[in-house]
Amino acid sequence: AAGHFPEAPGHLVRRAKGLPDTILIVCLSGNGWVSLHDETPLPVHANEAVFIPPHTPHSYGADSGHPWSIMWAHCGGPD
């Protein structure tokens, strides 16, 4: 699965058990954040990418003042 969220105010995802897929998030503009294992959120800015490993608890979201535009993909399978 893949998609694009342009200027995504209020975008928030929380997955306590993660997903079986690897998730790729590419920030095209604006700002957001990502947190793995309920640790301190790390900022994500334009021209940065984040990989979230399979089965990793995580949350992520758009900055409230300058929300991100992102492209995302979920990648799975044995390879």
N, C-alpha and C. Protein backbone atom coordinates (compact mmCIF):
# COMPACT_ATOMS: atom_id res chain seq x y z
N ALA A 1 0.85 -1.17 0.00
CA ALA A 1 0.00 0.00 0.00
C ALA A 1 0.89 1.23 0.00
N ALA A 2 0.44 2.29 -0.65
CA ALA A 2 1.19 3.53 -0.70
C ALA A 2 0.22 4.69 -0.86
N GLY A 3 0.67 5.88 -0.49
CA GLY A 3 -0.21 7.02 -0.64
C GLY A 3 0.50 8.33 -0.39
N HIS A 4 -0.29 9.39 -0.39
CA HIS A 4 0.21 10.75 -0.23
C HIS A 4 -0.78 11.53 0.62
N PHE A 5 -0.29 12.21 1.63
CA PHE A 5 -1.11 13.10 2.44
C PHE A 5 -0.58 14.52 2.27
N PRO A 6 -1.23 15.35 1.47
CA PRO A 6 -0.77 16.73 1.33
C PRO A 6 -1.27 17.59 2.50
N GLU A 7 -0.34 18.36 3.08
CA GLU A 7 -0.67 19.25 4.20
C GLU A 7 -1.73 18.63 5.09
N ALA A 8 -1.32 17.71 5.92
CA ALA A 8 -2.23 16.85 6.68
C ALA A 8 -2.44 17.34 8.11
N PRO A 9 -3.18 18.45 8.31
CA PRO A 9 -3.41 18.91 9.68
C PRO A 9 -4.19 17.87 10.48
N GLY A 10 -3.78 17.68 11.71
CA GLY A 10 -4.47 16.73 12.57
C GLY A 10 -4.12 15.28 12.30
N HIS A 11 -3.19 15.02 11.38
CA HIS A 11 -2.81 13.64 11.07
C HIS A 11 -2.13 13.01 12.28
N LEU A 12 -2.67 11.91 12.76
CA LEU A 12 -2.14 11.21 13.92
C LEU A 12 -2.42 9.73 13.78
N VAL A 13 -1.38 8.92 13.97
CA VAL A 13 -1.50 7.46 13.92
C VAL A 13 -0.83 6.89 15.16
N ARG A 14 -1.51 5.96 15.82
CA ARG A 14 -0.94 5.26 16.98
C ARG A 14 -1.18 3.77 16.79
N ARG A 15 -0.11 3.00 16.85
CA ARG A 15 -0.21 1.54 16.71
C ARG A 15 0.58 0.90 17.84
N ALA A 16 -0.12 0.45 18.87
CA ALA A 16 0.51 -0.10 20.07
C ALA A 16 1.30 -1.38 19.79
N LYS A 17 0.90 -2.12 18.78
CA LYS A 17 1.60 -3.38 18.47
C LYS A 17 2.33 -3.32 17.13
N GLY A 18 2.29 -2.17 16.47
CA GLY A 18 2.94 -2.05 15.17
C GLY A 18 2.13 -2.77 14.11
N LEU A 19 2.78 -3.03 12.99
CA LEU A 19 2.19 -3.75 11.87
C LEU A 19 3.17 -4.80 11.38
N PRO A 20 2.72 -5.77 10.62
CA PRO A 20 3.66 -6.76 10.08
C PRO A 20 4.52 -6.19 8.94
N ASP A 21 4.22 -4.98 8.48
CA ASP A 21 4.95 -4.37 7.37
C ASP A 21 6.03 -3.42 7.86
N THR A 22 7.02 -3.16 7.00
CA THR A 22 7.93 -2.04 7.19
C THR A 22 7.22 -0.82 6.63
N ILE A 23 7.29 0.30 7.34
CA ILE A 23 6.65 1.53 6.90
C ILE A 23 7.73 2.54 6.52
N LEU A 24 7.56 3.15 5.37
CA LEU A 24 8.43 4.23 4.93
C LEU A 24 7.59 5.50 4.86
N ILE A 25 8.07 6.55 5.52
CA ILE A 25 7.44 7.86 5.46
C ILE A 25 8.47 8.84 4.93
N VAL A 26 8.12 9.58 3.88
CA VAL A 26 9.00 10.61 3.32
C VAL A 26 8.28 11.95 3.48
N CYS A 27 8.91 12.86 4.20
CA CYS A 27 8.34 14.18 4.43
C CYS A 27 8.74 15.10 3.28
N LEU A 28 7.75 15.59 2.55
CA LEU A 28 8.00 16.46 1.40
C LEU A 28 8.08 17.93 1.80
N SER A 29 7.28 18.31 2.79
CA SER A 29 7.29 19.69 3.29
C SER A 29 6.65 19.69 4.67
N GLY A 30 6.82 20.81 5.37
CA GLY A 30 6.25 20.90 6.70
C GLY A 30 7.04 20.09 7.72
N ASN A 31 6.37 19.79 8.84
CA ASN A 31 7.02 19.09 9.95
C ASN A 31 6.06 18.08 10.56
N GLY A 32 6.64 17.06 11.17
CA GLY A 32 5.89 16.07 11.91
C GLY A 32 6.79 15.44 12.95
N TRP A 33 6.38 14.31 13.44
CA TRP A 33 7.16 13.61 14.47
C TRP A 33 6.88 12.12 14.39
N VAL A 34 7.82 11.32 14.92
CA VAL A 34 7.67 9.87 14.99
C VAL A 34 8.19 9.41 16.35
N SER A 35 7.48 8.47 16.96
CA SER A 35 7.91 7.88 18.22
C SER A 35 7.83 6.36 18.10
N LEU A 36 8.92 5.68 18.47
CA LEU A 36 8.95 4.22 18.49
C LEU A 36 8.97 3.76 19.93
N HIS A 37 8.24 2.71 20.25
CA HIS A 37 8.22 2.13 21.61
C HIS A 37 7.87 3.17 22.69
N ASP A 38 7.01 4.12 22.36
CA ASP A 38 6.59 5.16 23.31
C ASP A 38 7.75 6.00 23.85
N GLU A 39 8.83 6.08 23.08
CA GLU A 39 9.95 6.93 23.49
C GLU A 39 9.66 8.38 23.09
N THR A 40 10.54 9.28 23.47
CA THR A 40 10.39 10.68 23.14
C THR A 40 10.24 10.85 21.63
N PRO A 41 9.23 11.58 21.19
CA PRO A 41 9.05 11.78 19.74
C PRO A 41 10.25 12.48 19.11
N LEU A 42 10.62 12.03 17.92
CA LEU A 42 11.69 12.65 17.16
C LEU A 42 11.07 13.50 16.06
N PRO A 43 11.58 14.72 15.88
CA PRO A 43 11.01 15.57 14.83
C PRO A 43 11.37 15.06 13.44
N VAL A 44 10.47 15.29 12.51
CA VAL A 44 10.68 14.95 11.10
C VAL A 44 10.41 16.21 10.30
N HIS A 45 11.36 16.55 9.42
CA HIS A 45 11.28 17.77 8.64
C HIS A 45 11.27 17.45 7.14
N ALA A 46 11.04 18.47 6.33
CA ALA A 46 11.06 18.31 4.88
C ALA A 46 12.38 17.68 4.43
N ASN A 47 12.28 16.81 3.44
CA ASN A 47 13.43 16.12 2.84
C ASN A 47 14.04 15.07 3.76
N GLU A 48 13.28 14.59 4.73
CA GLU A 48 13.74 13.51 5.60
C GLU A 48 12.82 12.31 5.42
N ALA A 49 13.38 11.13 5.66
CA ALA A 49 12.62 9.89 5.54
C ALA A 49 12.77 9.09 6.83
N VAL A 50 11.75 8.30 7.12
CA VAL A 50 11.73 7.46 8.32
C VAL A 50 11.32 6.05 7.92
N PHE A 51 12.04 5.05 8.43
CA PHE A 51 11.64 3.66 8.31
C PHE A 51 11.18 3.17 9.67
N ILE A 52 10.04 2.52 9.72
CA ILE A 52 9.54 1.90 10.94
C ILE A 52 9.56 0.40 10.71
N PRO A 53 10.35 -0.34 11.49
CA PRO A 53 10.46 -1.79 11.28
C PRO A 53 9.15 -2.52 11.58
N PRO A 54 9.00 -3.72 11.03
CA PRO A 54 7.81 -4.52 11.31
C PRO A 54 7.65 -4.80 12.81
N HIS A 55 6.42 -4.90 13.25
CA HIS A 55 6.07 -5.28 14.63
C HIS A 55 6.66 -4.34 15.68
N THR A 56 6.87 -3.09 15.31
CA THR A 56 7.42 -2.10 16.24
C THR A 56 6.32 -1.14 16.68
N PRO A 57 6.03 -1.08 17.97
CA PRO A 57 5.04 -0.11 18.43
C PRO A 57 5.47 1.30 18.03
N HIS A 58 4.53 2.09 17.51
CA HIS A 58 4.89 3.41 17.04
C HIS A 58 3.69 4.35 17.01
N SER A 59 4.02 5.62 16.93
CA SER A 59 3.03 6.65 16.67
C SER A 59 3.72 7.74 15.87
N TYR A 60 2.92 8.47 15.09
CA TYR A 60 3.46 9.58 14.34
C TYR A 60 2.34 10.56 14.02
N GLY A 61 2.75 11.79 13.74
CA GLY A 61 1.73 12.78 13.45
C GLY A 61 2.31 14.05 12.87
N ALA A 62 1.42 14.90 12.39
CA ALA A 62 1.78 16.18 11.81
C ALA A 62 1.95 17.23 12.89
N ASP A 63 2.86 18.14 12.66
CA ASP A 63 3.03 19.30 13.52
C ASP A 63 1.77 20.16 13.46
N SER A 64 1.34 20.67 14.59
CA SER A 64 0.08 21.43 14.60
C SER A 64 0.22 22.80 13.93
N GLY A 65 1.41 23.39 13.95
CA GLY A 65 1.59 24.71 13.37
C GLY A 65 1.95 24.70 11.89
N HIS A 66 2.69 23.69 11.47
CA HIS A 66 3.16 23.60 10.08
C HIS A 66 3.10 22.11 9.67
N PRO A 67 1.89 21.59 9.42
CA PRO A 67 1.72 20.16 9.19
C PRO A 67 2.46 19.66 7.95
N TRP A 68 2.91 18.45 8.07
CA TRP A 68 3.68 17.85 6.98
C TRP A 68 2.82 17.44 5.80
N SER A 69 3.49 17.35 4.66
CA SER A 69 2.98 16.65 3.49
C SER A 69 3.90 15.45 3.34
N ILE A 70 3.30 14.26 3.28
CA ILE A 70 4.13 13.05 3.24
C ILE A 70 3.69 12.12 2.11
N MET A 71 4.63 11.32 1.68
CA MET A 71 4.36 10.13 0.89
C MET A 71 4.67 8.96 1.81
N TRP A 72 3.92 7.88 1.71
CA TRP A 72 4.14 6.75 2.60
C TRP A 72 3.97 5.45 1.83
N ALA A 73 4.61 4.41 2.34
CA ALA A 73 4.46 3.08 1.75
C ALA A 73 4.58 2.04 2.85
N HIS A 74 3.77 0.99 2.74
CA HIS A 74 3.87 -0.18 3.61
C HIS A 74 4.44 -1.29 2.75
N CYS A 75 5.54 -1.89 3.19
CA CYS A 75 6.21 -2.93 2.42
C CYS A 75 6.23 -4.21 3.24
N GLY A 76 5.83 -5.32 2.64
CA GLY A 76 5.82 -6.58 3.37
C GLY A 76 6.22 -7.73 2.48
N GLY A 77 6.30 -8.89 3.07
CA GLY A 77 6.65 -10.09 2.33
C GLY A 77 7.95 -10.69 2.81
N PRO A 78 8.28 -11.85 2.34
CA PRO A 78 9.45 -12.56 2.83
C PRO A 78 10.79 -11.94 2.40
N ASP A 79 10.78 -11.12 1.37
CA ASP A 79 12.05 -10.53 0.91
C ASP A 79 12.17 -9.10 1.37
